[in-house]
C-alpha atoms as a PDB file:
ATOM      1  CA  MET A   1      -0.030  -0.072   0.047  1.00  0.00           C
ATOM      2  CA  ARG A   2       1.215   3.364  -0.868  1.00  0.00           C
ATOM      3  CA  THR A   3       1.597   6.258   1.688  1.00  0.00           C
ATOM      4  CA  GLU A   4       0.277   9.749   2.065  1.00  0.00           C
ATOM      5  CA  ASN A   5       3.692  11.077   0.866  1.00  0.00           C
ATOM      6  CA  ASP A   6       3.381   8.833  -2.217  1.00  0.00           C
ATOM      7  CA  LEU A   7       0.107  10.557  -3.134  1.00  0.00           C
ATOM      8  CA  LYS A   8       1.544  14.005  -2.589  1.00  0.00           C
ATOM      9  CA  THR A   9       4.534  13.225  -4.755  1.00  0.00           C
ATOM     10  CA  THR A  10       2.269  11.928  -7.506  1.00  0.00           C
ATOM     11  CA  LEU A  11       0.094  14.968  -7.280  1.00  0.00           C
ATOM     12  CA  ARG A  12       3.005  17.309  -7.545  1.00  0.00           C
ATOM     13  CA  ARG A  13       4.339  15.316 -10.629  1.00  0.00           C
ATOM     14  CA  ILE A  14       1.033  15.493 -12.482  1.00  0.00           C
ATOM     15  CA  ASP A  15       0.241  19.136 -11.542  1.00  0.00           C
ATOM     16  CA  GLY A  16      -0.404  21.087 -14.668  1.00  0.00           C
ATOM     17  CA  LYS A  17      -0.695  18.116 -16.923  1.00  0.00           C
ATOM     18  CA  GLY A  18      -3.858  16.920 -18.677  1.00  0.00           C
ATOM     19  CA  TYR A  19      -6.894  15.620 -16.956  1.00  0.00           C
ATOM     20  CA  LYS A  20      -6.058  11.919 -17.804  1.00  0.00           C
ATOM     21  CA  ALA A  21      -2.763  12.222 -15.865  1.00  0.00           C
ATOM     22  CA  TYR A  22      -4.844  12.043 -12.730  1.00  0.00           C
ATOM     23  CA  LYS A  23      -5.420   8.277 -13.340  1.00  0.00           C
ATOM     24  CA  ASP A  24      -2.032   7.884 -11.863  1.00  0.00           C
ATOM     25  CA  ILE A  25      -3.494   8.488  -8.358  1.00  0.00           C
ATOM     26  CA  LYS A  26      -5.676   5.387  -8.514  1.00  0.00           C
ATOM     27  CA  GLY A  27      -4.892   3.069  -5.665  1.00  0.00           C
ATOM     28  CA  GLN A  28      -4.921   2.790  -1.850  1.00  0.00           C
ATOM     29  CA  TYR A  29      -3.000   5.175   0.467  1.00  0.00           C
ATOM     30  CA  ASP A  30      -2.207   4.698   4.116  1.00  0.00           C
ATOM     31  CA  PHE A  31      -2.764   7.946   5.994  1.00  0.00           C
ATOM     32  CA  GLY A  32      -2.082   6.446   9.461  1.00  0.00           C
ATOM     33  CA  THR A  33      -5.578   6.633  11.007  1.00  0.00           C
ATOM     34  CA  TYR A  34      -7.433   5.794   7.814  1.00  0.00           C
ATOM     35  CA  THR A  35      -6.878   4.379   4.358  1.00  0.00           C
ATOM     36  CA  LEU A  36      -7.877   6.459   1.342  1.00  0.00           C
ATOM     37  CA  ILE A  37      -9.057   4.316  -1.547  1.00  0.00           C
ATOM     38  CA  ILE A  38      -9.263   5.950  -5.040  1.00  0.00           C
ATOM     39  CA  ASP A  39     -10.752   3.272  -7.219  1.00  0.00           C
ATOM     40  CA  HIS A  40     -11.977   5.385 -10.155  1.00  0.00           C
ATOM     41  CA  VAL A  41     -10.658   8.552 -11.836  1.00  0.00           C
ATOM     42  CA  GLN A  42     -12.634   9.912 -14.709  1.00  0.00           C
ATOM     43  CA  GLY A  43     -10.599  10.352 -17.882  1.00  0.00           C
ATOM     44  CA  ASP A  44     -12.900  13.041 -19.262  1.00  0.00           C
ATOM     45  CA  PRO A  45     -14.008  15.932 -17.023  1.00  0.00           C
ATOM     46  CA  PHE A  46     -17.243  16.297 -18.974  1.00  0.00           C
ATOM     47  CA  ALA A  47     -18.085  12.566 -19.316  1.00  0.00           C
ATOM     48  CA  ASN A  48     -21.115  12.884 -17.130  1.00  0.00           C
ATOM     49  CA  VAL A  49     -22.598  15.751 -19.256  1.00  0.00           C
ATOM     50  CA  ARG A  50     -21.551  14.017 -22.355  1.00  0.00           C
ATOM     51  CA  GLY A  51     -23.655  11.022 -21.422  1.00  0.00           C
ATOM     52  CA  SER A  52     -26.662  13.033 -22.651  1.00  0.00           C
ATOM     53  CA  GLU A  53     -25.570  12.013 -26.170  1.00  0.00           C
ATOM     54  CA  GLU A  54     -26.831   8.547 -25.314  1.00  0.00           C
ATOM     55  CA  TRP A  55     -30.365  10.079 -25.153  1.00  0.00           C
ATOM     56  CA  GLY A  56     -29.875  11.968 -28.494  1.00  0.00           C
ATOM     57  CA  VAL A  57     -29.104  15.279 -26.713  1.00  0.00           C
ATOM     58  CA  GLU A  58     -26.116  17.381 -27.555  1.00  0.00           C
ATOM     59  CA  PRO A  59     -23.688  17.598 -24.646  1.00  0.00           C
ATOM     60  CA  TRP A  60     -23.929  21.302 -24.447  1.00  0.00           C
ATOM     61  CA  VAL A  61     -27.711  21.093 -24.260  1.00  0.00           C
ATOM     62  CA  GLY A  62     -27.299  18.392 -21.512  1.00  0.00           C
ATOM     63  CA  ALA A  63     -25.262  21.028 -19.588  1.00  0.00           C
ATOM     64  CA  LEU A  64     -28.158  23.504 -19.982  1.00  0.00           C
ATOM     65  CA  ILE A  65     -30.660  20.898 -18.741  1.00  0.00           C
ATOM     66  CA  ARG A  66     -28.585  20.628 -15.603  1.00  0.00           C
ATOM     67  CA  ALA A  67     -28.398  24.397 -15.437  1.00  0.00           C
ATOM     68  CA  THR A  68     -32.163  24.463 -15.630  1.00  0.00           C
ATOM     69  CA  ASP A  69     -32.345  22.268 -12.522  1.00  0.00           C
ATOM     70  CA  LYS A  70     -30.215  24.829 -10.599  1.00  0.00           C
ATOM     71  CA  ILE A  71     -32.445  27.658 -11.875  1.00  0.00           C
ATOM     72  CA  ARG A  72     -35.543  25.710 -10.594  1.00  0.00           C
ATOM     73  CA  ARG A  73     -33.900  25.506  -7.183  1.00  0.00           C
ATOM     74  CA  LEU A  74     -33.141  29.093  -7.133  1.00  0.00           C
ATOM     75  CA  GLN A  75     -36.742  29.947  -8.145  1.00  0.00           C
ATOM     76  CA  LYS A  76     -37.867  27.802  -5.187  1.00  0.00           C
ATOM     77  CA  PHE A  77     -35.461  29.576  -2.904  1.00  0.00           C
ATOM     78  CA  ALA A  78     -36.882  32.987  -4.142  1.00  0.00           C
ATOM     79  CA  ARG A  79     -40.379  31.776  -3.285  1.00  0.00           C
ATOM     80  CA  VAL A  80     -39.888  29.881   0.007  1.00  0.00           C
ATOM     81  CA  GLY A  81     -36.604  31.319   1.298  1.00  0.00           C
ATOM     82  CA  LYS A  82     -34.886  28.050   1.833  1.00  0.00           C
ATOM     83  CA  LEU A  83     -33.514  25.088  -0.011  1.00  0.00           C
ATOM     84  CA  ALA A  84     -33.332  21.416   1.050  1.00  0.00           C
ATOM     85  CA  ASN A  85     -29.972  19.538   0.705  1.00  0.00           C
ATOM     86  CA  GLU A  86     -28.032  22.389  -0.828  1.00  0.00           C
ATOM     87  CA  ALA A  87     -26.918  25.898   0.099  1.00  0.00           C
ATOM     88  CA  VAL A  88     -28.263  28.590  -2.141  1.00  0.00           C
ATOM     89  CA  GLU A  89     -24.725  29.743  -2.792  1.00  0.00           C
ATOM     90  CA  ASP A  90     -23.852  26.219  -4.160  1.00  0.00           C
ATOM     91  CA  SER A  91     -26.778  26.466  -6.512  1.00  0.00           C
ATOM     92  CA  PHE A  92     -25.482  29.807  -7.851  1.00  0.00           C
ATOM     93  CA  ARG A  93     -21.978  28.363  -8.321  1.00  0.00           C
ATOM     94  CA  ASP A  94     -23.228  25.285  -9.969  1.00  0.00           C
ATOM     95  CA  LEU A  95     -25.307  27.366 -12.339  1.00  0.00           C
ATOM     96  CA  ALA A  96     -22.309  29.372 -13.334  1.00  0.00           C
ATOM     97  CA  VAL A  97     -20.150  26.292 -13.770  1.00  0.00           C
ATOM     98  CA  TYR A  98     -22.846  24.538 -16.047  1.00  0.00           C
ATOM     99  CA  ALA A  99     -23.011  27.684 -18.262  1.00  0.00           C
ATOM    100  CA  ILE A 100     -19.212  27.501 -18.731  1.00  0.00           C
ATOM    101  CA  ILE A 101     -19.361  23.778 -19.373  1.00  0.00           C
ATOM    102  CA  ALA A 102     -22.126  24.374 -21.970  1.00  0.00           C
ATOM    103  CA  LEU A 103     -19.961  27.086 -23.725  1.00  0.00           C
ATOM    104  CA  VAL A 104     -16.898  24.760 -23.761  1.00  0.00           C
ATOM    105  CA  LEU A 105     -18.925  21.854 -25.209  1.00  0.00           C
ATOM    106  CA  TYR A 106     -20.643  24.129 -27.725  1.00  0.00           C
ATOM    107  CA  GLU A 107     -17.384  25.453 -28.970  1.00  0.00           C
ATOM    108  CA  GLU A 108     -15.585  22.068 -28.957  1.00  0.00           C
ATOM    109  CA  PRO A 109     -16.622  20.841 -32.472  1.00  0.00           C
ATOM    110  CA  GLN A 110     -15.380  24.092 -34.074  1.00  0.00           C
ATOM    111  CA  GLU A 111     -12.146  23.941 -32.085  1.00  0.00           C
ATOM    112  CA  VAL A 112     -11.544  20.256 -33.296  1.00  0.00           C
ATOM    113  CA  GLU A 113     -12.275  21.331 -36.866  1.00  0.00           C
ATOM    114  CA  ASN A 114      -9.884  24.273 -36.587  1.00  0.00           C
ATOM    115  CA  ALA A 115      -7.113  21.991 -35.319  1.00  0.00           C
ATOM    116  CA  LYS A 116      -7.551  19.649 -38.196  1.00  0.00           C
ATOM    117  CA  GLN A 117      -7.310  22.462 -40.645  1.00  0.00           C
ATOM    118  CA  GLU A 118      -4.136  23.789 -38.975  1.00  0.00           C
ATOM    119  CA  ALA A 119      -2.631  20.212 -39.144  1.00  0.00           C
ATOM    120  CA  GLU A 120      -3.124  20.007 -42.904  1.00  0.00           C
END
């Protein structure tokens, strides 16, 4: 079993590298009073939102659907003055993040096309 220091070393090594580099942290780490188990590391930070393609929905639209859920929560907060299971600040932050994710996924096909043209 690896140690807490092994994890720190790996995190320093992969800092600034691509998202897939984080797969290197998968494993068990002894922290003395507990064991940290990392059994799955997602290779694509947007995989969850991209899953909307399985339903015939563009990924950027999938992000907007999630944003709509946050808007509904904020509407409820505006009416009732409280939320269950989530702080209102978290809903605002999530809404902003989903908007950025939607923009990134919306622009992605054009960026891929531009990279292909530059490679030719």
